[in-house]
Amino acid sequence: MAISEGTKYSPAVMALHWLIFAGVIANWRIAEAAEHAATQAEGSAIMGNHFAIGVLLFVAVVVRFALRATRGIPAPQSGHAGWERTLAKAVHYIFYALLLIMPLAGWFAMSKYGAPINVWGLFALPPLPVAADPEGAKAIFEQHATAGKAMLILIVVHVLGTLKHTVLDKDGNLFRMLPFGTAKP
């Protein structure tokens, strides 16, 4: 992968980063709301938004990968310890894996119900050609929920790392992903 010049990500990557973050948090809250809905019908209606956002998150992550492949990423900051670089890479790789696998798992599970995924009436993803298996779909959704909890834990680790670099190290690491401020090389 090519490394881009400078210490900041491109504005497009910055926008995708924050859009994906907002989408993940919104999807978590939507799933929680659906789980606590008064009726199953209300919960299903709420989950329609969860599925639609999941489709958009998948597309945003694919676009982010394409930008990463074509534009590269800034070089790591020189002042970071080896363990910090390793942890940061691991967290990011797990983020990317979950952001790709979770929407696909949701689509696969919905397909086991024989149901399409409607994206706010704009278009629908048809069910994949898999055998009907409601029990299998439930098991996949349970794993999906567990992966969602792992995602939330990773977000906390990511935010704590950012706070460490911003408040304690004062290395400007946060500003690599913001259009203002200065990050150290």
N, C-alpha and C. Protein backbone atom coordinates (compact mmCIF):
# COMPACT_ATOMS: atom_id res chain seq x y z
N MET A 1 0.85 -1.17 0.00
CA MET A 1 0.00 0.00 0.00
C MET A 1 0.89 1.23 0.00
N ALA A 2 0.55 2.17 -0.84
CA ALA A 2 1.30 3.41 -0.91
C ALA A 2 1.02 4.26 0.32
N ILE A 3 2.05 4.96 0.76
CA ILE A 3 1.89 5.89 1.88
C ILE A 3 1.85 7.29 1.30
N SER A 4 0.85 8.06 1.69
CA SER A 4 0.73 9.41 1.16
C SER A 4 1.64 10.36 1.92
N GLU A 5 1.90 11.48 1.32
CA GLU A 5 2.70 12.51 1.96
C GLU A 5 1.89 13.17 3.06
N GLY A 6 2.58 13.73 4.04
CA GLY A 6 1.91 14.51 5.07
C GLY A 6 1.46 13.69 6.25
N THR A 7 0.84 14.39 7.18
CA THR A 7 0.43 13.76 8.44
C THR A 7 -1.08 13.58 8.54
N LYS A 8 -1.84 14.07 7.56
CA LYS A 8 -3.30 14.00 7.64
C LYS A 8 -3.87 13.06 6.58
N TYR A 9 -5.04 12.55 6.89
CA TYR A 9 -5.81 11.79 5.92
C TYR A 9 -6.49 12.77 4.98
N SER A 10 -6.92 12.29 3.83
CA SER A 10 -7.61 13.15 2.88
C SER A 10 -8.97 13.55 3.45
N PRO A 11 -9.52 14.69 3.00
CA PRO A 11 -10.85 15.08 3.47
C PRO A 11 -11.92 14.01 3.22
N ALA A 12 -11.81 13.28 2.11
CA ALA A 12 -12.79 12.22 1.82
C ALA A 12 -12.70 11.11 2.86
N VAL A 13 -11.49 10.72 3.23
CA VAL A 13 -11.31 9.66 4.23
C VAL A 13 -11.78 10.15 5.59
N MET A 14 -11.48 11.42 5.91
CA MET A 14 -11.96 11.99 7.17
C MET A 14 -13.49 11.92 7.23
N ALA A 15 -14.14 12.34 6.15
CA ALA A 15 -15.61 12.35 6.11
C ALA A 15 -16.14 10.93 6.27
N LEU A 16 -15.55 9.97 5.59
CA LEU A 16 -16.01 8.58 5.70
C LEU A 16 -15.80 8.04 7.12
N HIS A 17 -14.68 8.38 7.73
CA HIS A 17 -14.40 7.94 9.09
C HIS A 17 -15.53 8.36 10.03
N TRP A 18 -15.87 9.65 9.99
CA TRP A 18 -16.89 10.17 10.90
C TRP A 18 -18.29 9.69 10.51
N LEU A 19 -18.54 9.52 9.22
CA LEU A 19 -19.83 8.99 8.77
C LEU A 19 -20.00 7.55 9.24
N ILE A 20 -18.96 6.75 9.11
CA ILE A 20 -19.02 5.35 9.55
C ILE A 20 -19.21 5.30 11.06
N PHE A 21 -18.48 6.13 11.79
CA PHE A 21 -18.64 6.17 13.24
C PHE A 21 -20.09 6.50 13.61
N ALA A 22 -20.63 7.55 13.01
CA ALA A 22 -22.01 7.96 13.31
C ALA A 22 -22.99 6.85 12.94
N GLY A 23 -22.75 6.18 11.81
CA GLY A 23 -23.62 5.10 11.38
C GLY A 23 -23.60 3.91 12.32
N VAL A 24 -22.41 3.58 12.82
CA VAL A 24 -22.29 2.45 13.76
C VAL A 24 -23.03 2.77 15.06
N ILE A 25 -22.83 3.98 15.58
CA ILE A 25 -23.51 4.35 16.83
C ILE A 25 -25.02 4.40 16.61
N ALA A 26 -25.46 4.99 15.51
CA ALA A 26 -26.90 5.04 15.21
C ALA A 26 -27.46 3.62 15.09
N ASN A 27 -26.74 2.74 14.41
CA ASN A 27 -27.24 1.37 14.23
C ASN A 27 -27.33 0.62 15.56
N TRP A 28 -26.39 0.86 16.43
CA TRP A 28 -26.43 0.24 17.77
C TRP A 28 -27.68 0.71 18.52
N ARG A 29 -27.92 2.01 18.50
CA ARG A 29 -29.08 2.57 19.22
C ARG A 29 -30.39 2.10 18.58
N ILE A 30 -30.43 2.00 17.26
CA ILE A 30 -31.62 1.51 16.58
C ILE A 30 -31.90 0.06 16.97
N ALA A 31 -30.86 -0.77 17.00
CA ALA A 31 -31.04 -2.18 17.39
C ALA A 31 -31.55 -2.27 18.83
N GLU A 32 -31.02 -1.42 19.70
CA GLU A 32 -31.48 -1.40 21.10
C GLU A 32 -32.96 -1.00 21.16
N ALA A 33 -33.33 0.02 20.40
CA ALA A 33 -34.72 0.47 20.38
C ALA A 33 -35.65 -0.63 19.87
N ALA A 34 -35.21 -1.34 18.84
CA ALA A 34 -36.03 -2.42 18.28
C ALA A 34 -36.21 -3.54 19.30
N GLU A 35 -35.14 -3.83 20.03
CA GLU A 35 -35.20 -4.90 21.03
C GLU A 35 -36.19 -4.57 22.15
N HIS A 36 -36.35 -3.28 22.43
CA HIS A 36 -37.23 -2.86 23.51
C HIS A 36 -38.57 -2.32 23.01
N ALA A 37 -38.87 -2.57 21.74
CA ALA A 37 -40.15 -2.11 21.18
C ALA A 37 -41.31 -2.83 21.86
N ALA A 38 -42.45 -2.16 21.88
CA ALA A 38 -43.64 -2.71 22.56
C ALA A 38 -44.15 -3.98 21.89
N THR A 39 -44.06 -4.04 20.56
CA THR A 39 -44.55 -5.22 19.84
C THR A 39 -43.49 -5.69 18.86
N GLN A 40 -43.65 -6.93 18.41
CA GLN A 40 -42.72 -7.47 17.42
C GLN A 40 -42.82 -6.69 16.11
N ALA A 41 -44.03 -6.28 15.74
CA ALA A 41 -44.23 -5.51 14.51
C ALA A 41 -43.49 -4.17 14.58
N GLU A 42 -43.58 -3.50 15.74
CA GLU A 42 -42.85 -2.23 15.90
C GLU A 42 -41.35 -2.48 15.84
N GLY A 43 -40.89 -3.53 16.48
CA GLY A 43 -39.47 -3.87 16.46
C GLY A 43 -38.99 -4.15 15.05
N SER A 44 -39.78 -4.86 14.27
CA SER A 44 -39.41 -5.15 12.88
C SER A 44 -39.35 -3.88 12.04
N ALA A 45 -40.28 -2.97 12.28
CA ALA A 45 -40.27 -1.70 11.53
C ALA A 45 -39.02 -0.89 11.87
N ILE A 46 -38.65 -0.87 13.15
CA ILE A 46 -37.44 -0.16 13.57
C ILE A 46 -36.21 -0.81 12.96
N MET A 47 -36.18 -2.14 12.95
CA MET A 47 -35.01 -2.87 12.42
C MET A 47 -34.82 -2.62 10.93
N GLY A 48 -35.88 -2.24 10.23
CA GLY A 48 -35.73 -1.90 8.82
C GLY A 48 -34.70 -0.80 8.62
N ASN A 49 -34.68 0.18 9.54
CA ASN A 49 -33.68 1.25 9.49
C ASN A 49 -32.28 0.70 9.78
N HIS A 50 -32.19 -0.23 10.72
CA HIS A 50 -30.91 -0.85 11.06
C HIS A 50 -30.32 -1.55 9.82
N PHE A 51 -31.16 -2.29 9.12
CA PHE A 51 -30.68 -2.99 7.92
C PHE A 51 -30.27 -2.02 6.83
N ALA A 52 -31.06 -0.96 6.63
CA ALA A 52 -30.73 0.02 5.59
C ALA A 52 -29.41 0.72 5.89
N ILE A 53 -29.20 1.11 7.15
CA ILE A 53 -27.94 1.75 7.52
C ILE A 53 -26.80 0.77 7.37
N GLY A 54 -27.03 -0.50 7.68
CA GLY A 54 -25.98 -1.53 7.50
C GLY A 54 -25.52 -1.62 6.06
N VAL A 55 -26.46 -1.54 5.12
CA VAL A 55 -26.10 -1.57 3.70
C VAL A 55 -25.23 -0.35 3.36
N LEU A 56 -25.64 0.83 3.84
CA LEU A 56 -24.87 2.04 3.56
C LEU A 56 -23.50 2.01 4.22
N LEU A 57 -23.41 1.44 5.41
CA LEU A 57 -22.11 1.31 6.07
C LEU A 57 -21.19 0.41 5.26
N PHE A 58 -21.73 -0.68 4.75
CA PHE A 58 -20.92 -1.58 3.94
C PHE A 58 -20.36 -0.83 2.72
N VAL A 59 -21.21 -0.08 2.05
CA VAL A 59 -20.77 0.69 0.88
C VAL A 59 -19.70 1.71 1.28
N ALA A 60 -19.91 2.41 2.41
CA ALA A 60 -18.94 3.41 2.87
C ALA A 60 -17.58 2.78 3.16
N VAL A 61 -17.59 1.59 3.75
CA VAL A 61 -16.33 0.90 4.06
C VAL A 61 -15.63 0.47 2.77
N VAL A 62 -16.38 -0.01 1.80
CA VAL A 62 -15.78 -0.39 0.52
C VAL A 62 -15.15 0.84 -0.15
N VAL A 63 -15.85 1.97 -0.11
CA VAL A 63 -15.31 3.21 -0.68
C VAL A 63 -14.05 3.62 0.08
N ARG A 64 -14.08 3.48 1.39
CA ARG A 64 -12.89 3.82 2.19
C ARG A 64 -11.71 2.93 1.80
N PHE A 65 -11.96 1.65 1.60
CA PHE A 65 -10.89 0.75 1.15
C PHE A 65 -10.34 1.20 -0.20
N ALA A 66 -11.22 1.59 -1.10
CA ALA A 66 -10.78 2.04 -2.43
C ALA A 66 -9.92 3.29 -2.30
N LEU A 67 -10.31 4.22 -1.46
CA LEU A 67 -9.51 5.43 -1.25
C LEU A 67 -8.16 5.08 -0.63
N ARG A 68 -8.18 4.18 0.31
CA ARG A 68 -6.94 3.74 0.96
C ARG A 68 -6.00 3.12 -0.06
N ALA A 69 -6.56 2.33 -0.96
CA ALA A 69 -5.74 1.64 -1.96
C ALA A 69 -5.18 2.60 -3.00
N THR A 70 -5.95 3.63 -3.34
CA THR A 70 -5.51 4.54 -4.40
C THR A 70 -4.74 5.75 -3.89
N ARG A 71 -5.05 6.19 -2.68
CA ARG A 71 -4.40 7.41 -2.15
C ARG A 71 -3.40 7.12 -1.06
N GLY A 72 -3.42 5.92 -0.52
CA GLY A 72 -2.51 5.60 0.56
C GLY A 72 -2.97 6.19 1.88
N ILE A 73 -2.11 6.05 2.86
CA ILE A 73 -2.40 6.59 4.19
C ILE A 73 -1.17 7.34 4.68
N PRO A 74 -1.35 8.27 5.60
CA PRO A 74 -0.18 8.96 6.15
C PRO A 74 0.73 7.97 6.87
N ALA A 75 2.01 8.26 6.88
CA ALA A 75 2.97 7.42 7.61
C ALA A 75 2.64 7.48 9.10
N PRO A 76 2.93 6.42 9.81
CA PRO A 76 2.69 6.44 11.26
C PRO A 76 3.53 7.55 11.91
N GLN A 77 3.02 8.06 13.01
CA GLN A 77 3.79 9.08 13.72
C GLN A 77 5.02 8.45 14.34
N SER A 78 6.12 9.17 14.27
CA SER A 78 7.41 8.61 14.69
C SER A 78 7.51 8.39 16.19
N GLY A 79 6.77 9.13 16.98
CA GLY A 79 6.91 9.04 18.43
C GLY A 79 6.14 7.90 19.08
N HIS A 80 5.42 7.13 18.34
CA HIS A 80 4.63 6.05 18.93
C HIS A 80 5.48 4.82 19.20
N ALA A 81 5.23 4.21 20.36
CA ALA A 81 5.93 2.98 20.72
C ALA A 81 5.46 1.84 19.82
N GLY A 82 6.27 0.81 19.72
CA GLY A 82 5.92 -0.35 18.90
C GLY A 82 4.61 -0.98 19.31
N TRP A 83 4.36 -1.09 20.63
CA TRP A 83 3.12 -1.70 21.10
C TRP A 83 1.92 -0.86 20.70
N GLU A 84 2.10 0.47 20.66
CA GLU A 84 0.98 1.34 20.27
C GLU A 84 0.65 1.14 18.78
N ARG A 85 1.67 1.04 17.96
CA ARG A 85 1.44 0.81 16.53
C ARG A 85 0.78 -0.54 16.29
N THR A 86 1.24 -1.56 17.01
CA THR A 86 0.67 -2.90 16.86
C THR A 86 -0.79 -2.90 17.30
N LEU A 87 -1.07 -2.29 18.46
CA LEU A 87 -2.45 -2.25 18.95
C LEU A 87 -3.34 -1.46 17.99
N ALA A 88 -2.84 -0.33 17.50
CA ALA A 88 -3.64 0.48 16.57
C ALA A 88 -3.96 -0.31 15.30
N LYS A 89 -2.96 -1.00 14.75
CA LYS A 89 -3.20 -1.81 13.54
C LYS A 89 -4.22 -2.91 13.82
N ALA A 90 -4.06 -3.59 14.94
CA ALA A 90 -4.98 -4.68 15.28
C ALA A 90 -6.41 -4.17 15.42
N VAL A 91 -6.58 -3.07 16.14
CA VAL A 91 -7.92 -2.50 16.32
C VAL A 91 -8.52 -2.12 14.97
N HIS A 92 -7.73 -1.47 14.12
CA HIS A 92 -8.25 -1.05 12.81
C HIS A 92 -8.60 -2.26 11.93
N TYR A 93 -7.75 -3.27 11.92
CA TYR A 93 -8.05 -4.45 11.10
C TYR A 93 -9.32 -5.16 11.58
N ILE A 94 -9.48 -5.24 12.91
CA ILE A 94 -10.69 -5.87 13.44
C ILE A 94 -11.91 -5.01 13.11
N PHE A 95 -11.78 -3.68 13.23
CA PHE A 95 -12.86 -2.79 12.82
C PHE A 95 -13.28 -3.09 11.38
N TYR A 96 -12.30 -3.10 10.48
CA TYR A 96 -12.61 -3.30 9.06
C TYR A 96 -13.26 -4.66 8.84
N ALA A 97 -12.74 -5.69 9.49
CA ALA A 97 -13.33 -7.02 9.34
C ALA A 97 -14.80 -7.02 9.80
N LEU A 98 -15.05 -6.45 10.97
CA LEU A 98 -16.42 -6.40 11.48
C LEU A 98 -17.33 -5.56 10.60
N LEU A 99 -16.80 -4.42 10.10
CA LEU A 99 -17.61 -3.54 9.27
C LEU A 99 -17.97 -4.17 7.92
N LEU A 100 -17.19 -5.14 7.49
CA LEU A 100 -17.51 -5.87 6.26
C LEU A 100 -18.35 -7.11 6.54
N ILE A 101 -17.99 -7.85 7.57
CA ILE A 101 -18.66 -9.12 7.85
C ILE A 101 -20.06 -8.92 8.42
N MET A 102 -20.23 -7.95 9.31
CA MET A 102 -21.54 -7.79 9.96
C MET A 102 -22.67 -7.51 8.98
N PRO A 103 -22.52 -6.58 8.03
CA PRO A 103 -23.62 -6.39 7.07
C PRO A 103 -23.88 -7.62 6.21
N LEU A 104 -22.81 -8.31 5.82
CA LEU A 104 -22.99 -9.52 5.02
C LEU A 104 -23.70 -10.61 5.82
N ALA A 105 -23.36 -10.71 7.11
CA ALA A 105 -24.03 -11.70 7.97
C ALA A 105 -25.51 -11.35 8.13
N GLY A 106 -25.81 -10.05 8.28
CA GLY A 106 -27.21 -9.63 8.37
C GLY A 106 -27.98 -9.98 7.11
N TRP A 107 -27.37 -9.75 5.96
CA TRP A 107 -28.02 -10.08 4.68
C TRP A 107 -28.22 -11.59 4.57
N PHE A 108 -27.20 -12.35 4.96
CA PHE A 108 -27.29 -13.81 4.90
C PHE A 108 -28.41 -14.31 5.82
N ALA A 109 -28.48 -13.75 7.04
CA ALA A 109 -29.53 -14.18 7.97
C ALA A 109 -30.91 -13.82 7.45
N MET A 110 -31.06 -12.60 6.94
CA MET A 110 -32.37 -12.21 6.38
C MET A 110 -32.73 -13.12 5.21
N SER A 111 -31.74 -13.52 4.45
CA SER A 111 -31.99 -14.42 3.32
C SER A 111 -32.50 -15.77 3.79
N LYS A 112 -32.05 -16.21 4.97
CA LYS A 112 -32.54 -17.47 5.52
C LYS A 112 -34.01 -17.36 5.94
N TYR A 113 -34.49 -16.13 6.12
CA TYR A 113 -35.91 -15.89 6.33
C TYR A 113 -36.64 -15.70 5.00
N GLY A 114 -35.88 -15.61 3.90
CA GLY A 114 -36.48 -15.37 2.59
C GLY A 114 -36.88 -13.93 2.38
N ALA A 115 -36.32 -13.02 3.18
CA ALA A 115 -36.73 -11.61 3.15
C ALA A 115 -35.67 -10.73 2.47
N PRO A 116 -36.11 -9.79 1.66
CA PRO A 116 -35.17 -8.82 1.08
C PRO A 116 -34.81 -7.77 2.13
N ILE A 117 -33.79 -6.99 1.85
CA ILE A 117 -33.44 -5.85 2.70
C ILE A 117 -33.81 -4.60 1.93
N ASN A 118 -34.80 -3.90 2.45
CA ASN A 118 -35.30 -2.69 1.82
C ASN A 118 -34.52 -1.49 2.35
N VAL A 119 -33.96 -0.70 1.45
CA VAL A 119 -33.19 0.48 1.83
C VAL A 119 -34.08 1.70 1.61
N TRP A 120 -34.94 1.95 2.58
CA TRP A 120 -35.85 3.10 2.61
C TRP A 120 -36.65 3.29 1.32
N GLY A 121 -37.01 2.20 0.69
CA GLY A 121 -37.83 2.28 -0.52
C GLY A 121 -37.06 2.69 -1.77
N LEU A 122 -35.77 2.96 -1.63
CA LEU A 122 -34.95 3.35 -2.78
C LEU A 122 -34.59 2.14 -3.64
N PHE A 123 -34.23 1.07 -2.97
CA PHE A 123 -33.92 -0.20 -3.63
C PHE A 123 -33.97 -1.29 -2.56
N ALA A 124 -33.95 -2.52 -3.01
CA ALA A 124 -33.95 -3.65 -2.07
C ALA A 124 -32.90 -4.66 -2.50
N LEU A 125 -32.21 -5.19 -1.51
CA LEU A 125 -31.30 -6.31 -1.78
C LEU A 125 -32.13 -7.58 -1.72
N PRO A 126 -32.17 -8.32 -2.79
CA PRO A 126 -32.97 -9.55 -2.76
C PRO A 126 -32.32 -10.58 -1.85
N PRO A 127 -33.10 -11.53 -1.36
CA PRO A 127 -32.50 -12.59 -0.55
C PRO A 127 -31.47 -13.37 -1.36
N LEU A 128 -30.43 -13.77 -0.68
CA LEU A 128 -29.44 -14.64 -1.32
C LEU A 128 -30.09 -16.00 -1.58
N PRO A 129 -29.59 -16.73 -2.56
CA PRO A 129 -30.18 -18.05 -2.86
C PRO A 129 -29.73 -19.12 -1.85
N VAL A 130 -30.29 -19.03 -0.65
CA VAL A 130 -29.98 -20.00 0.40
C VAL A 130 -31.27 -20.65 0.87
N ALA A 131 -31.14 -21.81 1.48
CA ALA A 131 -32.31 -22.53 1.98
C ALA A 131 -32.92 -21.79 3.17
N ALA A 132 -34.22 -21.82 3.24
CA ALA A 132 -34.92 -21.23 4.39
C ALA A 132 -34.49 -21.96 5.65
N ASP A 133 -34.17 -21.18 6.68
CA ASP A 133 -33.72 -21.76 7.94
C ASP A 133 -33.86 -20.72 9.05
N PRO A 134 -35.09 -20.54 9.55
CA PRO A 134 -35.30 -19.52 10.59
C PRO A 134 -34.43 -19.73 11.83
N GLU A 135 -34.20 -20.97 12.21
CA GLU A 135 -33.36 -21.23 13.39
C GLU A 135 -31.90 -20.83 13.10
N GLY A 136 -31.44 -21.13 11.90
CA GLY A 136 -30.09 -20.72 11.50
C GLY A 136 -29.98 -19.20 11.44
N ALA A 137 -31.03 -18.55 10.97
CA ALA A 137 -31.04 -17.08 10.91
C ALA A 137 -30.92 -16.50 12.31
N LYS A 138 -31.66 -17.07 13.26
CA LYS A 138 -31.59 -16.58 14.64
C LYS A 138 -30.18 -16.74 15.20
N ALA A 139 -29.55 -17.88 14.92
CA ALA A 139 -28.18 -18.10 15.40
C ALA A 139 -27.21 -17.08 14.80
N ILE A 140 -27.37 -16.79 13.52
CA ILE A 140 -26.52 -15.79 12.87
C ILE A 140 -26.75 -14.42 13.50
N PHE A 141 -27.99 -14.07 13.76
CA PHE A 141 -28.27 -12.78 14.38
C PHE A 141 -27.70 -12.69 15.80
N GLU A 142 -27.66 -13.81 16.51
CA GLU A 142 -27.03 -13.81 17.85
C GLU A 142 -25.54 -13.53 17.72
N GLN A 143 -24.89 -14.16 16.74
CA GLN A 143 -23.46 -13.90 16.51
C GLN A 143 -23.25 -12.46 16.05
N HIS A 144 -24.17 -11.95 15.25
CA HIS A 144 -24.13 -10.56 14.79
C HIS A 144 -24.18 -9.61 15.99
N ALA A 145 -25.05 -9.91 16.95
CA ALA A 145 -25.17 -9.08 18.15
C ALA A 145 -23.89 -9.14 18.98
N THR A 146 -23.29 -10.31 19.07
CA THR A 146 -22.03 -10.45 19.80
C THR A 146 -20.93 -9.64 19.10
N ALA A 147 -20.90 -9.70 17.78
CA ALA A 147 -19.92 -8.91 17.03
C ALA A 147 -20.16 -7.41 17.24
N GLY A 148 -21.43 -7.02 17.36
CA GLY A 148 -21.75 -5.63 17.64
C GLY A 148 -21.21 -5.19 18.99
N LYS A 149 -21.29 -6.05 20.00
CA LYS A 149 -20.72 -5.73 21.31
C LYS A 149 -19.20 -5.61 21.22
N ALA A 150 -18.59 -6.48 20.44
CA ALA A 150 -17.14 -6.38 20.23
C ALA A 150 -16.79 -5.05 19.56
N MET A 151 -17.62 -4.64 18.61
CA MET A 151 -17.40 -3.35 17.92
C MET A 151 -17.44 -2.21 18.93
N LEU A 152 -18.41 -2.23 19.84
CA LEU A 152 -18.52 -1.17 20.84
C LEU A 152 -17.30 -1.15 21.76
N ILE A 153 -16.79 -2.32 22.13
CA ILE A 153 -15.58 -2.39 22.96
C ILE A 153 -14.40 -1.79 22.18
N LEU A 154 -14.29 -2.12 20.91
CA LEU A 154 -13.22 -1.55 20.09
C LEU A 154 -13.33 -0.04 19.97
N ILE A 155 -14.54 0.46 19.88
CA ILE A 155 -14.73 1.92 19.82
C ILE A 155 -14.21 2.55 21.10
N VAL A 156 -14.50 1.95 22.23
CA VAL A 156 -13.99 2.48 23.50
C VAL A 156 -12.47 2.46 23.52
N VAL A 157 -11.86 1.36 23.09
CA VAL A 157 -10.40 1.27 23.04
C VAL A 157 -9.84 2.35 22.11
N HIS A 158 -10.47 2.52 20.97
CA HIS A 158 -10.04 3.51 19.98
C HIS A 158 -10.12 4.93 20.56
N VAL A 159 -11.23 5.24 21.21
CA VAL A 159 -11.42 6.57 21.80
C VAL A 159 -10.42 6.78 22.94
N LEU A 160 -10.21 5.76 23.78
CA LEU A 160 -9.23 5.89 24.86
C LEU A 160 -7.83 6.15 24.31
N GLY A 161 -7.48 5.45 23.23
CA GLY A 161 -6.18 5.68 22.60
C GLY A 161 -6.06 7.10 22.07
N THR A 162 -7.13 7.57 21.46
CA THR A 162 -7.14 8.94 20.94
C THR A 162 -6.99 9.95 22.07
N LEU A 163 -7.72 9.72 23.16
CA LEU A 163 -7.61 10.62 24.32
C LEU A 163 -6.21 10.60 24.92
N LYS A 164 -5.61 9.41 24.99
CA LYS A 164 -4.23 9.31 25.51
C LYS A 164 -3.30 10.18 24.68
N HIS A 165 -3.41 10.04 23.35
CA HIS A 165 -2.52 10.80 22.47
C HIS A 165 -2.83 12.30 22.50
N THR A 166 -4.09 12.64 22.66
CA THR A 166 -4.47 14.06 22.64
C THR A 166 -4.16 14.75 23.97
N VAL A 167 -4.52 14.11 25.08
CA VAL A 167 -4.40 14.76 26.39
C VAL A 167 -3.04 14.51 27.04
N LEU A 168 -2.58 13.27 27.04
CA LEU A 168 -1.33 12.95 27.73
C LEU A 168 -0.09 13.20 26.85
N ASP A 169 -0.09 12.62 25.65
CA ASP A 169 1.08 12.73 24.78
C ASP A 169 1.14 14.07 24.04
N LYS A 170 -0.02 14.68 23.86
CA LYS A 170 -0.13 15.96 23.13
C LYS A 170 0.60 15.91 21.78
N ASP A 171 0.38 14.79 21.06
CA ASP A 171 1.06 14.62 19.76
C ASP A 171 0.18 15.01 18.57
N GLY A 172 -1.02 15.48 18.86
CA GLY A 172 -1.89 15.92 17.77
C GLY A 172 -2.44 14.79 16.93
N ASN A 173 -2.39 13.56 17.43
CA ASN A 173 -2.84 12.41 16.65
C ASN A 173 -4.30 12.56 16.20
N LEU A 174 -5.15 13.12 17.06
CA LEU A 174 -6.56 13.32 16.71
C LEU A 174 -6.70 14.16 15.44
N PHE A 175 -5.80 15.10 15.25
CA PHE A 175 -5.91 16.03 14.12
C PHE A 175 -5.55 15.39 12.78
N ARG A 176 -5.07 14.16 12.80
CA ARG A 176 -4.85 13.43 11.54
C ARG A 176 -6.20 13.14 10.87
N MET A 177 -7.27 13.08 11.71
CA MET A 177 -8.59 12.73 11.19
C MET A 177 -9.57 13.90 11.30
N LEU A 178 -9.05 15.10 11.47
CA LEU A 178 -9.87 16.31 11.51
C LEU A 178 -9.31 17.34 10.52
N PRO A 179 -10.17 18.15 9.92
CA PRO A 179 -9.69 19.11 8.92
C PRO A 179 -8.97 20.31 9.53
N PHE A 180 -8.92 20.40 10.85
CA PHE A 180 -8.24 21.51 11.52
C PHE A 180 -7.23 20.94 12.49
N GLY A 181 -6.34 21.78 12.99
CA GLY A 181 -5.33 21.34 13.94
C GLY A 181 -4.12 20.75 13.24
N THR A 182 -3.08 20.51 14.01
CA THR A 182 -1.83 20.01 13.45
C THR A 182 -1.41 18.73 14.15
N ALA A 183 -1.09 17.74 13.36
CA ALA A 183 -0.54 16.49 13.89
C ALA A 183 0.97 16.51 13.69
N LYS A 184 1.68 15.96 14.68
CA LYS A 184 3.14 15.88 14.56
C LYS A 184 3.50 14.76 13.59
N PRO A 185 4.59 14.96 12.87
CA PRO A 185 5.03 13.88 11.93
C PRO A 185 5.48 12.64 12.67
